[in-house]
Amino acid sequence: FLPTQAAETDSVPYICDTVPLLTDTERTSLEAQAEEI
């Protein structure tokens, strides 16, 4: 959403599945895991 913003904000997701390959549930779970890490 904000290309110039550093990744420590909540505006830039860590899982960007544009194909898509993941279900919504999988993407939400993996996003939370990636953010925590």
PDB file of all heavy atoms in Angstrom:
ATOM      1  N   PHE A   1       0.805  -1.213   0.000  1.00  0.00           N
ATOM      2  CA  PHE A   1       0.000   0.000   0.000  1.00  0.00           C
ATOM      3  C   PHE A   1       0.840   1.265   0.000  1.00  0.00           C
ATOM      4  O   PHE A   1       0.492   2.251  -0.636  1.00  0.00           O
ATOM      5  CB  PHE A   1      -0.924   0.004   1.226  1.00  0.00           C
ATOM      6  CG  PHE A   1      -1.903  -1.126   1.241  1.00  0.00           C
ATOM      7  CD1 PHE A   1      -1.691  -2.246   2.022  1.00  0.00           C
ATOM      8  CD2 PHE A   1      -3.029  -1.084   0.445  1.00  0.00           C
ATOM      9  CE1 PHE A   1      -2.587  -3.303   2.026  1.00  0.00           C
ATOM     10  CE2 PHE A   1      -3.934  -2.132   0.449  1.00  0.00           C
ATOM     11  CZ  PHE A   1      -3.710  -3.240   1.237  1.00  0.00           C
ATOM     12  N   LEU A   2       1.940   1.261   0.714  1.00  0.00           N
ATOM     13  CA  LEU A   2       2.798   2.422   0.789  1.00  0.00           C
ATOM     14  C   LEU A   2       4.205   2.002   0.377  1.00  0.00           C
ATOM     15  O   LEU A   2       5.006   1.601   1.209  1.00  0.00           O
ATOM     16  CB  LEU A   2       2.814   3.005   2.216  1.00  0.00           C
ATOM     17  CG  LEU A   2       1.467   3.518   2.725  1.00  0.00           C
ATOM     18  CD1 LEU A   2       1.603   3.968   4.165  1.00  0.00           C
ATOM     19  CD2 LEU A   2       0.973   4.682   1.862  1.00  0.00           C
ATOM     20  N   PRO A   3       4.568   2.116  -0.909  1.00  0.00           N
ATOM     21  CA  PRO A   3       5.831   1.597  -1.408  1.00  0.00           C
ATOM     22  C   PRO A   3       7.058   2.192  -0.740  1.00  0.00           C
ATOM     23  O   PRO A   3       8.097   1.579  -0.727  1.00  0.00           O
ATOM     24  CB  PRO A   3       5.794   1.960  -2.899  1.00  0.00           C
ATOM     25  CG  PRO A   3       4.348   2.058  -3.228  1.00  0.00           C
ATOM     26  CD  PRO A   3       3.717   2.631  -2.000  1.00  0.00           C
ATOM     27  N   THR A   4       6.973   3.392  -0.186  1.00  0.00           N
ATOM     28  CA  THR A   4       8.149   4.033   0.408  1.00  0.00           C
ATOM     29  C   THR A   4       8.201   3.859   1.906  1.00  0.00           C
ATOM     30  O   THR A   4       9.102   4.361   2.559  1.00  0.00           O
ATOM     31  CB  THR A   4       8.161   5.533   0.083  1.00  0.00           C
ATOM     32  OG1 THR A   4       6.977   6.136   0.612  1.00  0.00           O
ATOM     33  CG2 THR A   4       8.213   5.754  -1.413  1.00  0.00           C
ATOM     34  N   GLN A   5       7.244   3.192   2.480  1.00  0.00           N
ATOM     35  CA  GLN A   5       7.183   3.021   3.928  1.00  0.00           C
ATOM     36  C   GLN A   5       8.014   1.825   4.358  1.00  0.00           C
ATOM     37  O   GLN A   5       8.033   0.802   3.707  1.00  0.00           O
ATOM     38  CB  GLN A   5       5.725   2.794   4.359  1.00  0.00           C
ATOM     39  CG  GLN A   5       5.519   2.785   5.871  1.00  0.00           C
ATOM     40  CD  GLN A   5       5.265   4.164   6.404  1.00  0.00           C
ATOM     41  OE1 GLN A   5       5.037   5.082   5.643  1.00  0.00           O
ATOM     42  NE2 GLN A   5       5.318   4.319   7.710  1.00  0.00           N
ATOM     43  N   ALA A   6       8.728   1.932   5.496  1.00  0.00           N
ATOM     44  CA  ALA A   6       9.508   0.816   6.027  1.00  0.00           C
ATOM     45  C   ALA A   6       8.575  -0.266   6.515  1.00  0.00           C
ATOM     46  O   ALA A   6       7.421  -0.023   6.857  1.00  0.00           O
ATOM     47  CB  ALA A   6      10.400   1.299   7.168  1.00  0.00           C
ATOM     48  N   ALA A   7       9.075  -1.485   6.585  1.00  0.00           N
ATOM     49  CA  ALA A   7       8.218  -2.650   6.836  1.00  0.00           C
ATOM     50  C   ALA A   7       7.761  -2.782   8.269  1.00  0.00           C
ATOM     51  O   ALA A   7       6.983  -3.658   8.578  1.00  0.00           O
ATOM     52  CB  ALA A   7       8.956  -3.920   6.417  1.00  0.00           C
ATOM     53  N   GLU A   8       8.256  -1.889   9.202  1.00  0.00           N
ATOM     54  CA  GLU A   8       7.814  -2.062  10.571  1.00  0.00           C
ATOM     55  C   GLU A   8       6.415  -1.508  10.818  1.00  0.00           C
ATOM     56  O   GLU A   8       5.885  -1.611  11.908  1.00  0.00           O
ATOM     57  CB  GLU A   8       8.815  -1.442  11.557  1.00  0.00           C
ATOM     58  CG  GLU A   8       8.997   0.059  11.420  1.00  0.00           C
ATOM     59  CD  GLU A   8      10.221   0.397  10.575  1.00  0.00           C
ATOM     60  OE1 GLU A   8      10.405  -0.268   9.552  1.00  0.00           O
ATOM     61  OE2 GLU A   8      10.962   1.310  10.947  1.00  0.00           O
ATOM     62  N   THR A   9       5.796  -0.895   9.798  1.00  0.00           N
ATOM     63  CA  THR A   9       4.432  -0.409   9.952  1.00  0.00           C
ATOM     64  C   THR A   9       3.467  -1.518   9.585  1.00  0.00           C
ATOM     65  O   THR A   9       3.833  -2.523   8.995  1.00  0.00           O
ATOM     66  CB  THR A   9       4.186   0.814   9.041  1.00  0.00           C
ATOM     67  OG1 THR A   9       4.224   0.370   7.684  1.00  0.00           O
ATOM     68  CG2 THR A   9       5.233   1.889   9.254  1.00  0.00           C
ATOM     69  N   ASP A  10       2.209  -1.303   9.921  1.00  0.00           N
ATOM     70  CA  ASP A  10       1.191  -2.307   9.647  1.00  0.00           C
ATOM     71  C   ASP A  10       0.636  -2.188   8.230  1.00  0.00           C
ATOM     72  O   ASP A  10      -0.255  -2.931   7.858  1.00  0.00           O
ATOM     73  CB  ASP A  10       0.045  -2.169  10.655  1.00  0.00           C
ATOM     74  CG  ASP A  10       0.486  -2.522  12.065  1.00  0.00           C
ATOM     75  OD1 ASP A  10       1.387  -3.373  12.180  1.00  0.00           O
ATOM     76  OD2 ASP A  10      -0.064  -1.953  13.014  1.00  0.00           O
ATOM     77  N   SER A  11       1.132  -1.222   7.423  1.00  0.00           N
ATOM     78  CA  SER A  11       0.543  -0.966   6.114  1.00  0.00           C
ATOM     79  C   SER A  11       1.103  -1.856   5.015  1.00  0.00           C
ATOM     80  O   SER A  11       0.549  -1.926   3.935  1.00  0.00           O
ATOM     81  CB  SER A  11       0.744   0.507   5.733  1.00  0.00           C
ATOM     82  OG  SER A  11       2.126   0.817   5.732  1.00  0.00           O
ATOM     83  N   VAL A  12       2.214  -2.519   5.270  1.00  0.00           N
ATOM     84  CA  VAL A  12       2.843  -3.339   4.240  1.00  0.00           C
ATOM     85  C   VAL A  12       2.792  -4.799   4.652  1.00  0.00           C
ATOM     86  O   VAL A  12       3.455  -5.202   5.598  1.00  0.00           O
ATOM     87  CB  VAL A  12       4.305  -2.907   4.014  1.00  0.00           C
ATOM     88  CG1 VAL A  12       4.942  -3.772   2.927  1.00  0.00           C
ATOM     89  CG2 VAL A  12       4.375  -1.445   3.635  1.00  0.00           C
ATOM     90  N   PRO A  13       2.006  -5.619   3.954  1.00  0.00           N
ATOM     91  CA  PRO A  13       1.936  -7.046   4.312  1.00  0.00           C
ATOM     92  C   PRO A  13       3.214  -7.779   3.922  1.00  0.00           C
ATOM     93  O   PRO A  13       3.951  -7.353   3.039  1.00  0.00           O
ATOM     94  CB  PRO A  13       0.736  -7.551   3.506  1.00  0.00           C
ATOM     95  CG  PRO A  13       0.649  -6.624   2.357  1.00  0.00           C
ATOM     96  CD  PRO A  13       1.104  -5.287   2.840  1.00  0.00           C
ATOM     97  N   TYR A  14       3.437  -8.874   4.568  1.00  0.00           N
ATOM     98  CA  TYR A  14       4.625  -9.681   4.314  1.00  0.00           C
ATOM     99  C   TYR A  14       4.335 -10.815   3.334  1.00  0.00           C
ATOM    100  O   TYR A  14       5.248 -11.322   2.706  1.00  0.00           O
ATOM    101  CB  TYR A  14       5.149 -10.255   5.636  1.00  0.00           C
ATOM    102  CG  TYR A  14       5.544  -9.187   6.627  1.00  0.00           C
ATOM    103  CD1 TYR A  14       4.654  -8.763   7.615  1.00  0.00           C
ATOM    104  CD2 TYR A  14       6.799  -8.594   6.566  1.00  0.00           C
ATOM    105  CE1 TYR A  14       5.011  -7.779   8.511  1.00  0.00           C
ATOM    106  CE2 TYR A  14       7.164  -7.602   7.462  1.00  0.00           C
ATOM    107  CZ  TYR A  14       6.265  -7.195   8.430  1.00  0.00           C
ATOM    108  OH  TYR A  14       6.617  -6.199   9.312  1.00  0.00           O
ATOM    109  N   ILE A  15       3.086 -11.219   3.241  1.00  0.00           N
ATOM    110  CA  ILE A  15       2.678 -12.264   2.309  1.00  0.00           C
ATOM    111  C   ILE A  15       1.903 -11.611   1.170  1.00  0.00           C
ATOM    112  O   ILE A  15       0.784 -11.131   1.352  1.00  0.00           O
ATOM    113  CB  ILE A  15       1.797 -13.331   3.003  1.00  0.00           C
ATOM    114  CG1 ILE A  15       2.488 -13.875   4.257  1.00  0.00           C
ATOM    115  CG2 ILE A  15       1.480 -14.463   2.023  1.00  0.00           C
ATOM    116  CD1 ILE A  15       3.811 -14.556   4.006  1.00  0.00           C
ATOM    117  N   CYS A  16       2.521 -11.570  -0.015  1.00  0.00           N
ATOM    118  CA  CYS A  16       1.891 -10.950  -1.179  1.00  0.00           C
ATOM    119  C   CYS A  16       1.677 -12.015  -2.245  1.00  0.00           C
ATOM    120  O   CYS A  16       2.562 -12.285  -3.064  1.00  0.00           O
ATOM    121  CB  CYS A  16       2.768  -9.815  -1.700  1.00  0.00           C
ATOM    122  SG  CYS A  16       2.025  -8.906  -3.061  1.00  0.00           S
ATOM    123  N   ASP A  17       0.522 -12.622  -2.226  1.00  0.00           N
ATOM    124  CA  ASP A  17       0.205 -13.742  -3.104  1.00  0.00           C
ATOM    125  C   ASP A  17      -0.683 -13.249  -4.235  1.00  0.00           C
ATOM    126  O   ASP A  17      -1.908 -13.302  -4.165  1.00  0.00           O
ATOM    127  CB  ASP A  17      -0.497 -14.831  -2.282  1.00  0.00           C
ATOM    128  CG  ASP A  17      -0.870 -16.043  -3.111  1.00  0.00           C
ATOM    129  OD1 ASP A  17      -0.182 -16.299  -4.119  1.00  0.00           O
ATOM    130  OD2 ASP A  17      -1.839 -16.726  -2.750  1.00  0.00           O
ATOM    131  N   THR A  18      -0.081 -12.752  -5.321  1.00  0.00           N
ATOM    132  CA  THR A  18      -0.858 -12.153  -6.409  1.00  0.00           C
ATOM    133  C   THR A  18      -1.388 -13.178  -7.399  1.00  0.00           C
ATOM    134  O   THR A  18      -2.186 -12.827  -8.261  1.00  0.00           O
ATOM    135  CB  THR A  18       0.016 -11.138  -7.185  1.00  0.00           C
ATOM    136  OG1 THR A  18       1.060 -11.828  -7.882  1.00  0.00           O
ATOM    137  CG2 THR A  18       0.625 -10.119  -6.233  1.00  0.00           C
ATOM    138  N   VAL A  19      -0.987 -14.452  -7.318  1.00  0.00           N
ATOM    139  CA  VAL A  19      -1.375 -15.408  -8.367  1.00  0.00           C
ATOM    140  C   VAL A  19      -2.884 -15.719  -8.369  1.00  0.00           C
ATOM    141  O   VAL A  19      -3.492 -15.602  -9.451  1.00  0.00           O
ATOM    142  CB  VAL A  19      -0.486 -16.675  -8.263  1.00  0.00           C
ATOM    143  CG1 VAL A  19      -0.957 -17.743  -9.254  1.00  0.00           C
ATOM    144  CG2 VAL A  19       0.974 -16.305  -8.548  1.00  0.00           C
ATOM    145  N   PRO A  20      -3.561 -16.126  -7.282  1.00  0.00           N
ATOM    146  CA  PRO A  20      -3.051 -16.491  -5.964  1.00  0.00           C
ATOM    147  C   PRO A  20      -2.863 -18.014  -5.847  1.00  0.00           C
ATOM    148  O   PRO A  20      -3.485 -18.788  -6.564  1.00  0.00           O
ATOM    149  CB  PRO A  20      -4.160 -16.032  -5.045  1.00  0.00           C
ATOM    150  CG  PRO A  20      -5.410 -16.229  -5.848  1.00  0.00           C
ATOM    151  CD  PRO A  20      -5.036 -16.013  -7.291  1.00  0.00           C
ATOM    152  N   LEU A  21      -2.034 -18.403  -4.854  1.00  0.00           N
ATOM    153  CA  LEU A  21      -1.788 -19.815  -4.573  1.00  0.00           C
ATOM    154  C   LEU A  21      -2.370 -20.243  -3.231  1.00  0.00           C
ATOM    155  O   LEU A  21      -2.584 -21.429  -3.005  1.00  0.00           O
ATOM    156  CB  LEU A  21      -0.273 -20.087  -4.566  1.00  0.00           C
ATOM    157  CG  LEU A  21       0.489 -19.753  -5.852  1.00  0.00           C
ATOM    158  CD1 LEU A  21       1.991 -19.949  -5.634  1.00  0.00           C
ATOM    159  CD2 LEU A  21      -0.006 -20.601  -7.009  1.00  0.00           C
ATOM    160  N   LEU A  22      -2.623 -19.275  -2.361  1.00  0.00           N
ATOM    161  CA  LEU A  22      -3.086 -19.552  -1.005  1.00  0.00           C
ATOM    162  C   LEU A  22      -4.556 -19.203  -0.844  1.00  0.00           C
ATOM    163  O   LEU A  22      -5.069 -18.315  -1.532  1.00  0.00           O
ATOM    164  CB  LEU A  22      -2.272 -18.742   0.015  1.00  0.00           C
ATOM    165  CG  LEU A  22      -0.749 -18.895  -0.037  1.00  0.00           C
ATOM    166  CD1 LEU A  22      -0.080 -17.843   0.845  1.00  0.00           C
ATOM    167  CD2 LEU A  22      -0.331 -20.292   0.400  1.00  0.00           C
ATOM    168  N   THR A  23      -5.215 -19.890   0.055  1.00  0.00           N
ATOM    169  CA  THR A  23      -6.584 -19.511   0.408  1.00  0.00           C
ATOM    170  C   THR A  23      -6.530 -18.296   1.327  1.00  0.00           C
ATOM    171  O   THR A  23      -5.473 -17.955   1.876  1.00  0.00           O
ATOM    172  CB  THR A  23      -7.308 -20.660   1.135  1.00  0.00           C
ATOM    173  OG1 THR A  23      -6.661 -20.888   2.399  1.00  0.00           O
ATOM    174  CG2 THR A  23      -7.257 -21.945   0.310  1.00  0.00           C
ATOM    175  N   ASP A  24      -7.666 -17.653   1.514  1.00  0.00           N
ATOM    176  CA  ASP A  24      -7.710 -16.487   2.400  1.00  0.00           C
ATOM    177  C   ASP A  24      -7.304 -16.859   3.818  1.00  0.00           C
ATOM    178  O   ASP A  24      -6.588 -16.102   4.490  1.00  0.00           O
ATOM    179  CB  ASP A  24      -9.119 -15.880   2.402  1.00  0.00           C
ATOM    180  CG  ASP A  24      -9.462 -15.216   1.073  1.00  0.00           C
ATOM    181  OD1 ASP A  24      -8.515 -14.908   0.308  1.00  0.00           O
ATOM    182  OD2 ASP A  24     -10.660 -15.012   0.801  1.00  0.00           O
ATOM    183  N   THR A  25      -7.762 -18.004   4.262  1.00  0.00           N
ATOM    184  CA  THR A  25      -7.436 -18.452   5.620  1.00  0.00           C
ATOM    185  C   THR A  25      -5.938 -18.703   5.761  1.00  0.00           C
ATOM    186  O   THR A  25      -5.320 -18.300   6.751  1.00  0.00           O
ATOM    187  CB  THR A  25      -8.199 -19.739   5.966  1.00  0.00           C
ATOM    188  OG1 THR A  25      -9.606 -19.491   5.871  1.00  0.00           O
ATOM    189  CG2 THR A  25      -7.858 -20.219   7.367  1.00  0.00           C
ATOM    190  N   GLU A  26      -5.347 -19.362   4.768  1.00  0.00           N
ATOM    191  CA  GLU A  26      -3.906 -19.635   4.802  1.00  0.00           C
ATOM    192  C   GLU A  26      -3.110 -18.341   4.765  1.00  0.00           C
ATOM    193  O   GLU A  26      -2.135 -18.176   5.526  1.00  0.00           O
ATOM    194  CB  GLU A  26      -3.524 -20.519   3.617  1.00  0.00           C
ATOM    195  CG  GLU A  26      -4.051 -21.942   3.703  1.00  0.00           C
ATOM    196  CD  GLU A  26      -3.873 -22.714   2.410  1.00  0.00           C
ATOM    197  OE1 GLU A  26      -3.687 -22.075   1.341  1.00  0.00           O
ATOM    198  OE2 GLU A  26      -3.940 -23.961   2.452  1.00  0.00           O
ATOM    199  N   ARG A  27      -3.511 -17.420   3.925  1.00  0.00           N
ATOM    200  CA  ARG A  27      -2.794 -16.166   3.793  1.00  0.00           C
ATOM    201  C   ARG A  27      -2.852 -15.354   5.088  1.00  0.00           C
ATOM    202  O   ARG A  27      -1.855 -14.768   5.517  1.00  0.00           O
ATOM    203  CB  ARG A  27      -3.356 -15.348   2.630  1.00  0.00           C
ATOM    204  CG  ARG A  27      -2.575 -14.083   2.323  1.00  0.00           C
ATOM    205  CD  ARG A  27      -2.963 -13.501   0.974  1.00  0.00           C
ATOM    206  NE  ARG A  27      -4.397 -13.305   0.824  1.00  0.00           N
ATOM    207  CZ  ARG A  27      -5.164 -14.074   0.056  1.00  0.00           C
ATOM    208  NH1 ARG A  27      -4.656 -15.101  -0.594  1.00  0.00           N
ATOM    209  NH2 ARG A  27      -6.453 -13.819  -0.048  1.00  0.00           N
ATOM    210  N   THR A  28      -4.007 -15.338   5.719  1.00  0.00           N
ATOM    211  CA  THR A  28      -4.151 -14.598   6.978  1.00  0.00           C
ATOM    212  C   THR A  28      -3.264 -15.189   8.066  1.00  0.00           C
ATOM    213  O   THR A  28      -2.592 -14.459   8.811  1.00  0.00           O
ATOM    214  CB  THR A  28      -5.618 -14.626   7.445  1.00  0.00           C
ATOM    215  OG1 THR A  28      -6.446 -14.005   6.448  1.00  0.00           O
ATOM    216  CG2 THR A  28      -5.784 -13.896   8.768  1.00  0.00           C
ATOM    217  N   SER A  29      -3.251 -16.505   8.157  1.00  0.00           N
ATOM    218  CA  SER A  29      -2.429 -17.178   9.167  1.00  0.00           C
ATOM    219  C   SER A  29      -0.947 -16.955   8.923  1.00  0.00           C
ATOM    220  O   SER A  29      -0.179 -16.645   9.856  1.00  0.00           O
ATOM    221  CB  SER A  29      -2.743 -18.678   9.161  1.00  0.00           C
ATOM    222  OG  SER A  29      -1.882 -19.384  10.030  1.00  0.00           O
ATOM    223  N   LEU A  30      -0.517 -17.079   7.669  1.00  0.00           N
ATOM    224  CA  LEU A  30       0.894 -16.905   7.331  1.00  0.00           C
ATOM    225  C   LEU A  30       1.333 -15.455   7.482  1.00  0.00           C
ATOM    226  O   LEU A  30       2.473 -15.175   7.872  1.00  0.00           O
ATOM    227  CB  LEU A  30       1.150 -17.398   5.906  1.00  0.00           C
ATOM    228  CG  LEU A  30       0.976 -18.908   5.696  1.00  0.00           C
ATOM    229  CD1 LEU A  30       0.971 -19.251   4.210  1.00  0.00           C
ATOM    230  CD2 LEU A  30       2.084 -19.669   6.407  1.00  0.00           C
ATOM    231  N   GLU A  31       0.436 -14.537   7.189  1.00  0.00           N
ATOM    232  CA  GLU A  31       0.744 -13.111   7.367  1.00  0.00           C
ATOM    233  C   GLU A  31       1.025 -12.800   8.833  1.00  0.00           C
ATOM    234  O   GLU A  31       1.985 -12.090   9.170  1.00  0.00           O
ATOM    235  CB  GLU A  31      -0.413 -12.257   6.853  1.00  0.00           C
ATOM    236  CG  GLU A  31      -0.297 -10.768   7.162  1.00  0.00           C
ATOM    237  CD  GLU A  31       0.835 -10.097   6.391  1.00  0.00           C
ATOM    238  OE1 GLU A  31       1.234 -10.619   5.340  1.00  0.00           O
ATOM    239  OE2 GLU A  31       1.288  -9.041   6.851  1.00  0.00           O
ATOM    240  N   ALA A  32       0.193 -13.349   9.718  1.00  0.00           N
ATOM    241  CA  ALA A  32       0.390 -13.130  11.160  1.00  0.00           C
ATOM    242  C   ALA A  32       1.721 -13.720  11.622  1.00  0.00           C
ATOM    243  O   ALA A  32       2.438 -13.116  12.443  1.00  0.00           O
ATOM    244  CB  ALA A  32      -0.768 -13.752  11.938  1.00  0.00           C
ATOM    245  N   GLN A  33       2.061 -14.891  11.098  1.00  0.00           N
ATOM    246  CA  GLN A  33       3.327 -15.535  11.472  1.00  0.00           C
ATOM    247  C   GLN A  33       4.510 -14.713  10.971  1.00  0.00           C
ATOM    248  O   GLN A  33       5.485 -14.496  11.718  1.00  0.00           O
ATOM    249  CB  GLN A  33       3.388 -16.944  10.892  1.00  0.00           C
ATOM    250  CG  GLN A  33       4.657 -17.701  11.267  1.00  0.00           C
ATOM    251  CD  GLN A  33       4.713 -19.092  10.652  1.00  0.00           C
ATOM    252  OE1 GLN A  33       3.792 -19.515   9.953  1.00  0.00           O
ATOM    253  NE2 GLN A  33       5.792 -19.809  10.914  1.00  0.00           N
ATOM    254  N   ALA A  34       4.450 -14.255   9.727  1.00  0.00           N
ATOM    255  CA  ALA A  34       5.547 -13.474   9.165  1.00  0.00           C
ATOM    256  C   ALA A  34       5.726 -12.150   9.906  1.00  0.00           C
ATOM    257  O   ALA A  34       6.855 -11.703  10.153  1.00  0.00           O
ATOM    258  CB  ALA A  34       5.292 -13.215   7.682  1.00  0.00           C
ATOM    259  N   GLU A  35       4.615 -11.530  10.271  1.00  0.00           N
ATOM    260  CA  GLU A  35       4.699 -10.267  11.004  1.00  0.00           C
ATOM    261  C   GLU A  35       5.339 -10.466  12.373  1.00  0.00           C
ATOM    262  O   GLU A  35       6.183  -9.668  12.802  1.00  0.00           O
ATOM    263  CB  GLU A  35       3.305  -9.665  11.169  1.00  0.00           C
ATOM    264  CG  GLU A  35       3.311  -8.337  11.922  1.00  0.00           C
ATOM    265  CD  GLU A  35       1.930  -7.746  12.072  1.00  0.00           C
ATOM    266  OE1 GLU A  35       0.970  -8.328  11.527  1.00  0.00           O
ATOM    267  OE2 GLU A  35       1.806  -6.700  12.741  1.00  0.00           O
ATOM    268  N   GLU A  36       4.950 -11.533  13.051  1.00  0.00           N
ATOM    269  CA  GLU A  36       5.522 -11.809  14.370  1.00  0.00           C
ATOM    270  C   GLU A  36       7.033 -12.049  14.278  1.00  0.00           C
ATOM    271  O   GLU A  36       7.805 -11.533  15.101  1.00  0.00           O
ATOM    272  CB  GLU A  36       4.841 -13.033  14.980  1.00  0.00           C
ATOM    273  CG  GLU A  36       5.365 -13.396  16.366  1.00  0.00           C
ATOM    274  CD  GLU A  36       4.690 -14.620  16.944  1.00  0.00           C
ATOM    275  OE1 GLU A  36       3.759 -15.144  16.291  1.00  0.00           O
ATOM    276  OE2 GLU A  36       5.104 -15.077  18.028  1.00  0.00           O
ATOM    277  N   ILE A  37       7.458 -12.825  13.302  1.00  0.00           N
ATOM    278  CA  ILE A  37       8.883 -13.100  13.116  1.00  0.00           C
ATOM    279  C   ILE A  37       9.638 -11.802  12.818  1.00  0.00           C
ATOM    280  O   ILE A  37      10.703 -11.531  13.386  1.00  0.00           O
ATOM    281  CB  ILE A  37       9.093 -14.114  11.974  1.00  0.00           C
ATOM    282  CG1 ILE A  37       8.495 -15.464  12.345  1.00  0.00           C
ATOM    283  CG2 ILE A  37      10.577 -14.265  11.651  1.00  0.00           C
ATOM    284  CD1 ILE A  37       8.453 -16.451  11.194  1.00  0.00           C
TER     285      ILE A  37
END
